[in-house]
Amino acid sequence: MPRLTRRALPLSTVALARFLVGKVLVHATPRGRMSGRIVETEAYPPGDPTGYARPGLTTSNAPLFEARGHAYVRMVYGSCLTLNLAAEQAGTGAGVLIRALEPLEGQPLMQRNCPGVSPANLARGPGRLCAALGIGRDLSGVDLCASDRLWLERGGPPARIQVSTRIGLSRDQHRRLRFLERGSRFVSVRP
C-alpha cells in the first residue's frame, strides 16, 4: 500500500484524528513487520487543557511541537506506553492519540509481545497497541512520513466514522474528540 506523505495529512488536529481512522500503522522490526488498521483515535488540539502539549515545549514533549506526523511515545501511569502523533505545523503543540488497531500483519509477533492476549484484544487500547507492536520510547520523535521503521499507509476503503467523547479524562470529558470506526470490534471502549 502507498505510504502517507505529510502533504496528505490534514493540517488540523481534529481533522487529522478523523482522517487517520481506516489508515494502516506499520512497524518494521528485525523480527518482522507488524501492522494494523487504525480504528480509534482521540484529538488533543492546541491549548487543550488535557493534552501533553499543555505546559508548552519541554524536553519530554518536544515531538508534539514537530511537523504533523512525528511520533510521540509517552509512558503513562508508570506502566504502559502510548503512541501520539504531532498534529499541527512545526512549533504548535498538539497531538492525536492512536487508541486502537485491528491487527493485520504479524499477529504471531504481536502475540509473542503480549502472551495470553486474544487476537481481538491485542491492540485494543493505547497501551496494548504499543506493547503488541513493540513500539518503544526509541521511536519517540520518529517522522512517520520519512521513517523506514514506523510509518502510515493509505489503507482500504474509507471507514464509517462515529464521534464520541474522549476516555479516561478527569476534565473536559464532554468534548467530542474521539473518532472510531463504527461497528469495529477492535475499539478500546464501545460508545
Protein backbone atom coordinates (compact mmCIF):
# COMPACT_ATOMS: atom_id res chain seq x y z
CA MET A 1 0.00 0.00 0.00
CA PRO A 2 1.17 3.55 -0.64
CA ARG A 3 2.67 5.38 2.31
CA LEU A 4 1.13 8.62 3.50
CA THR A 5 3.11 11.79 2.89
CA ARG A 6 2.98 14.86 5.11
CA ARG A 7 1.03 16.67 2.38
CA ALA A 8 -1.68 14.01 2.65
CA LEU A 9 -2.13 14.66 6.38
CA PRO A 10 -4.70 17.36 7.24
CA LEU A 11 -3.26 20.42 8.98
CA SER A 12 -5.72 20.42 11.88
CA THR A 13 -5.65 18.17 14.92
CA VAL A 14 -9.34 17.27 14.79
CA ALA A 15 -9.28 16.68 11.03
CA LEU A 16 -6.15 14.52 11.38
CA ALA A 17 -7.72 12.40 14.13
CA ARG A 18 -10.75 11.72 11.91
CA PHE A 19 -8.58 11.17 8.81
CA LEU A 20 -6.41 8.51 10.49
CA VAL A 21 -9.32 6.15 11.17
CA GLY A 22 -9.05 3.45 8.49
CA LYS A 23 -5.38 4.11 7.74
CA VAL A 24 -2.69 1.49 8.47
CA LEU A 25 0.12 1.82 11.02
CA VAL A 26 3.20 -0.26 10.18
CA HIS A 27 6.15 -1.13 12.42
CA ALA A 28 9.08 -2.87 10.70
CA THR A 29 11.37 -4.65 13.16
CA PRO A 30 14.32 -7.03 12.75
CA ARG A 31 11.91 -9.85 13.74
CA GLY A 32 9.36 -8.90 11.08
CA ARG A 33 6.69 -6.48 10.02
CA MET A 34 3.60 -5.79 12.12
CA SER A 35 0.67 -3.66 11.05
CA GLY A 36 -2.85 -2.75 11.96
CA ARG A 37 -5.76 -0.72 10.68
CA ILE A 38 -6.40 2.30 12.91
CA VAL A 39 -9.94 2.01 14.31
CA GLU A 40 -9.87 4.63 17.07
CA THR A 41 -8.16 7.97 17.74
CA GLU A 42 -8.51 10.97 20.06
CA ALA A 43 -7.69 14.59 19.26
CA TYR A 44 -5.83 16.91 21.66
CA PRO A 45 -5.85 20.24 19.79
CA PRO A 46 -3.69 23.29 20.58
CA GLY A 47 -4.48 24.69 24.01
CA ASP A 48 -6.34 21.56 25.17
CA PRO A 49 -6.03 21.52 28.99
CA THR A 50 -5.75 17.70 28.96
CA GLY A 51 -3.13 17.44 26.18
CA TYR A 52 0.53 16.62 26.68
CA ALA A 53 1.47 19.89 24.94
CA ARG A 54 -0.43 21.95 27.55
CA PRO A 55 2.65 23.03 29.60
CA GLY A 56 4.38 24.30 26.46
CA LEU A 57 7.52 22.95 24.84
CA THR A 58 9.61 20.73 27.13
CA THR A 59 12.35 18.19 26.53
CA SER A 60 9.82 15.42 27.10
CA ASN A 61 7.04 16.59 24.77
CA ALA A 62 9.20 18.14 22.02
CA PRO A 63 7.96 15.70 19.33
CA LEU A 64 4.43 17.17 19.67
CA PHE A 65 5.87 20.51 18.50
CA GLU A 66 7.37 18.99 15.34
CA ALA A 67 5.55 18.98 11.99
CA ARG A 68 2.45 16.78 11.85
CA GLY A 69 3.24 13.10 11.51
CA HIS A 70 6.05 12.84 14.09
CA ALA A 71 5.66 10.17 16.77
CA TYR A 72 5.48 10.98 20.46
CA VAL A 73 5.77 7.86 22.62
CA ARG A 74 4.87 8.57 26.23
CA MET A 75 4.84 6.48 29.41
CA VAL A 76 1.51 6.76 31.25
CA TYR A 77 0.55 5.54 34.70
CA GLY A 78 4.16 4.37 35.06
CA SER A 79 3.26 1.13 33.33
CA CYS A 80 2.48 1.46 29.63
CA LEU A 81 3.50 3.41 26.56
CA THR A 82 1.14 5.26 24.24
CA LEU A 83 1.62 6.47 20.66
CA ASN A 84 0.65 10.01 19.76
CA LEU A 85 1.26 11.91 16.53
CA ALA A 86 2.16 15.58 16.25
CA ALA A 87 -0.84 17.14 14.57
CA GLU A 88 -0.15 20.72 13.53
CA GLN A 89 2.55 22.79 11.83
CA ALA A 90 6.01 22.80 13.42
CA GLY A 91 6.07 24.95 16.54
CA THR A 92 2.42 24.35 17.51
CA GLY A 93 1.93 21.71 20.18
CA ALA A 94 -0.96 19.31 19.58
CA GLY A 95 -1.45 15.59 19.24
CA VAL A 96 -3.57 12.68 18.13
CA LEU A 97 -3.59 9.62 20.34
CA ILE A 98 -3.81 6.32 18.46
CA ARG A 99 -6.17 4.35 20.72
CA ALA A 100 -6.78 1.06 18.91
CA LEU A 101 -5.88 -1.04 15.87
CA GLU A 102 -7.32 -4.02 14.06
CA PRO A 103 -4.28 -6.31 13.65
CA LEU A 104 -3.44 -7.06 10.01
CA GLU A 105 0.12 -8.40 9.70
CA GLY A 106 2.47 -10.04 12.14
CA GLN A 107 -0.09 -11.40 14.59
CA PRO A 108 2.27 -14.17 15.77
CA LEU A 109 4.85 -11.48 16.63
CA MET A 110 2.20 -9.41 18.39
CA GLN A 111 1.10 -12.43 20.40
CA ARG A 112 4.72 -13.09 21.43
CA ASN A 113 4.86 -9.49 22.64
CA CYS A 114 1.57 -9.98 24.56
CA PRO A 115 1.36 -13.62 25.63
CA GLY A 116 -2.08 -14.88 26.56
CA VAL A 117 -3.94 -11.95 24.96
CA SER A 118 -6.61 -12.92 22.44
CA PRO A 119 -6.20 -11.67 18.85
CA ALA A 120 -9.25 -9.38 19.23
CA ASN A 121 -7.66 -7.71 22.27
CA LEU A 122 -4.06 -7.40 21.05
CA ALA A 123 -4.25 -3.72 20.09
CA ARG A 124 -7.42 -2.61 21.93
CA GLY A 125 -6.31 0.39 23.91
CA PRO A 126 -3.25 2.60 23.55
CA GLY A 127 -1.06 0.64 25.99
CA ARG A 128 -1.79 -2.74 24.43
CA LEU A 129 -1.28 -1.27 20.96
CA CYS A 130 2.29 -0.19 21.79
CA ALA A 131 3.06 -3.46 23.57
CA ALA A 132 1.71 -5.62 20.72
CA LEU A 133 3.57 -3.72 18.00
CA GLY A 134 6.76 -3.41 20.07
CA ILE A 135 6.64 0.39 19.95
CA GLY A 136 9.16 1.72 22.46
CA ARG A 137 10.43 5.10 23.55
CA ASP A 138 13.21 4.83 20.97
CA LEU A 139 10.55 5.66 18.36
CA SER A 140 9.58 8.96 20.01
CA GLY A 141 10.46 11.73 17.57
CA VAL A 142 10.45 9.46 14.50
CA ASP A 143 8.89 11.06 11.41
CA LEU A 144 6.20 8.66 10.20
CA CYS A 145 6.32 10.38 6.82
CA ALA A 146 10.01 9.53 6.28
CA SER A 147 10.90 6.57 8.53
CA ASP A 148 11.67 3.04 7.43
CA ARG A 149 10.81 1.73 10.94
CA LEU A 150 7.37 3.21 11.65
CA TRP A 151 5.02 4.69 9.08
CA LEU A 152 1.44 5.13 7.90
CA GLU A 153 -0.19 3.65 4.80
CA ARG A 154 -3.36 4.58 2.97
CA GLY A 155 -5.47 1.56 3.91
CA GLY A 156 -8.57 0.24 2.19
CA PRO A 157 -11.99 1.77 1.73
CA PRO A 158 -12.88 4.76 3.91
CA ALA A 159 -14.11 3.91 7.38
CA ARG A 160 -17.61 4.74 8.62
CA ILE A 161 -16.73 7.08 11.46
CA GLN A 162 -18.53 7.58 14.73
CA VAL A 163 -17.74 10.50 17.07
CA SER A 164 -17.72 10.19 20.85
CA THR A 165 -16.31 11.81 23.97
CA ARG A 166 -12.73 11.02 24.96
CA ILE A 167 -11.96 8.33 27.53
CA GLY A 168 -10.25 8.39 30.92
CA LEU A 169 -10.11 12.14 31.47
CA SER A 170 -10.83 13.92 34.72
CA ARG A 171 -11.81 17.18 32.99
CA ASP A 172 -13.14 18.30 29.60
CA GLN A 173 -14.89 14.93 29.32
CA HIS A 174 -17.75 16.46 27.31
CA ARG A 175 -15.64 17.24 24.24
CA ARG A 176 -16.48 15.00 21.29
CA LEU A 177 -12.92 14.46 20.07
CA ARG A 178 -12.80 10.66 19.88
CA PHE A 179 -13.16 9.11 16.43
CA LEU A 180 -13.79 5.42 15.87
CA GLU A 181 -14.78 3.05 13.15
CA ARG A 182 -18.49 2.38 13.54
CA GLY A 183 -19.13 -1.26 14.45
CA SER A 184 -15.48 -2.28 14.87
CA ARG A 185 -14.94 -4.98 17.49
CA PHE A 186 -11.37 -3.74 17.96
CA VAL A 187 -12.13 -0.34 19.54
CA SER A 188 -10.96 0.06 23.13
CA VAL A 189 -14.33 1.02 24.61
CA ARG A 190 -17.59 0.94 22.69
CA PRO A 191 -19.50 4.23 22.85
